Amino acid sequence: MLPCAYKYFFGIDCPICGSQRSLLLLMQGNFIESFKMYPPLIFLLLLIFFAVVYLIFPTIIKAKFLKQYAVVVLIIIAVNYTCKIATGNI
């Protein structure tokens, strides 16, 4: 796993801490454990998938949808991070 520079310098998790471990769990087929580790991962992977589809087939997915979905994913990440801070799981 790559070390987190944010955590190294500031001593707390960054907004995407846990995503590497979550991705590893997902690739091993542990879907529930992956979701527990980092819930926004599924939405983030979907965003990457939509972006790739947009680059290859720009008529299938519109830029407006991609931008709106990116904002939704950022909100989900922010809510997840806020919940981690509020519950002291940071």
Protein backbone atom coordinates (compact mmCIF):
# COMPACT_ATOMS: atom_id res chain seq x y z
CA MET A 1 0.00 0.00 0.00
CA LEU A 2 1.12 3.52 -0.74
CA PRO A 3 1.63 5.66 2.35
CA CYS A 4 -0.66 8.64 2.83
CA ALA A 5 1.32 11.91 2.78
CA TYR A 6 -1.64 13.78 4.32
CA LYS A 7 -1.69 11.45 7.31
CA TYR A 8 2.10 11.61 7.57
CA PHE A 9 2.17 15.41 7.74
CA PHE A 10 -1.05 16.15 9.62
CA GLY A 11 -1.51 12.99 11.69
CA ILE A 12 -5.10 12.36 10.60
CA ASP A 13 -6.69 10.43 7.75
CA CYS A 14 -7.28 12.18 4.45
CA PRO A 15 -10.72 12.15 2.77
CA ILE A 16 -9.79 9.09 0.69
CA CYS A 17 -7.87 7.12 3.33
CA GLY A 18 -9.03 3.53 3.24
CA SER A 19 -9.72 3.49 -0.49
CA GLN A 20 -6.66 1.35 -1.32
CA ARG A 21 -7.57 -1.28 1.26
CA SER A 22 -11.19 -1.11 0.15
CA LEU A 23 -10.20 -1.63 -3.50
CA LEU A 24 -8.06 -4.61 -2.53
CA LEU A 25 -10.98 -6.13 -0.62
CA LEU A 26 -13.27 -5.50 -3.59
CA MET A 27 -10.84 -7.19 -5.97
CA GLN A 28 -10.74 -10.19 -3.61
CA GLY A 29 -14.54 -10.41 -3.80
CA ASN A 30 -15.23 -9.12 -0.29
CA PHE A 31 -17.88 -6.62 -1.32
CA ILE A 32 -19.41 -6.00 2.10
CA GLU A 33 -16.02 -5.64 3.79
CA SER A 34 -14.95 -3.29 1.01
CA PHE A 35 -18.04 -1.13 1.51
CA LYS A 36 -17.48 -1.04 5.26
CA MET A 37 -13.86 0.02 4.77
CA TYR A 38 -14.61 2.92 2.39
CA PRO A 39 -18.24 3.39 1.24
CA PRO A 40 -17.56 6.01 -1.51
CA LEU A 41 -15.32 3.60 -3.46
CA ILE A 42 -18.17 2.16 -5.54
CA PHE A 43 -19.31 5.65 -6.57
CA LEU A 44 -15.72 6.66 -7.33
CA LEU A 45 -15.16 3.59 -9.50
CA LEU A 46 -18.40 4.32 -11.35
CA LEU A 47 -17.18 7.88 -11.98
CA ILE A 48 -13.94 6.54 -13.44
CA PHE A 49 -15.90 4.09 -15.59
CA PHE A 50 -18.23 6.85 -16.84
CA ALA A 51 -15.23 9.08 -17.62
CA VAL A 52 -13.57 6.33 -19.68
CA VAL A 53 -16.82 5.65 -21.55
CA TYR A 54 -17.17 9.39 -22.17
CA LEU A 55 -13.66 9.57 -23.61
CA ILE A 56 -14.26 6.62 -25.91
CA PHE A 57 -17.92 7.23 -26.79
CA PRO A 58 -18.78 10.89 -26.08
CA THR A 59 -22.28 10.45 -27.52
CA ILE A 60 -23.31 7.84 -24.93
CA ILE A 61 -22.50 9.88 -21.84
CA LYS A 62 -22.83 13.63 -21.90
CA ALA A 63 -20.32 15.99 -20.29
CA LYS A 64 -23.07 17.59 -18.22
CA PHE A 65 -23.97 14.24 -16.64
CA LEU A 66 -20.31 13.50 -15.93
CA LYS A 67 -19.83 16.85 -14.20
CA GLN A 68 -23.00 16.44 -12.13
CA TYR A 69 -22.06 12.91 -11.12
CA ALA A 70 -18.55 14.08 -10.16
CA VAL A 71 -20.12 16.66 -7.82
CA VAL A 72 -22.32 13.95 -6.29
CA VAL A 73 -19.26 11.74 -5.72
CA LEU A 74 -17.39 14.63 -4.09
CA ILE A 75 -20.37 15.24 -1.80
CA ILE A 76 -20.46 11.54 -0.87
CA ILE A 77 -16.73 11.63 -0.07
CA ALA A 78 -17.20 14.79 2.03
CA VAL A 79 -20.12 13.29 3.95
CA ASN A 80 -18.15 10.10 4.58
CA TYR A 81 -15.16 12.11 5.84
CA THR A 82 -17.37 14.24 8.06
CA CYS A 83 -18.92 11.11 9.56
CA LYS A 84 -15.45 9.67 10.21
CA ILE A 85 -14.47 12.86 12.02
CA ALA A 86 -17.73 13.04 13.98
CA THR A 87 -17.50 9.43 15.16
CA GLY A 88 -13.80 9.68 15.99
CA ASN A 89 -12.79 6.95 13.53
CA ILE A 90 -10.08 9.13 12.06
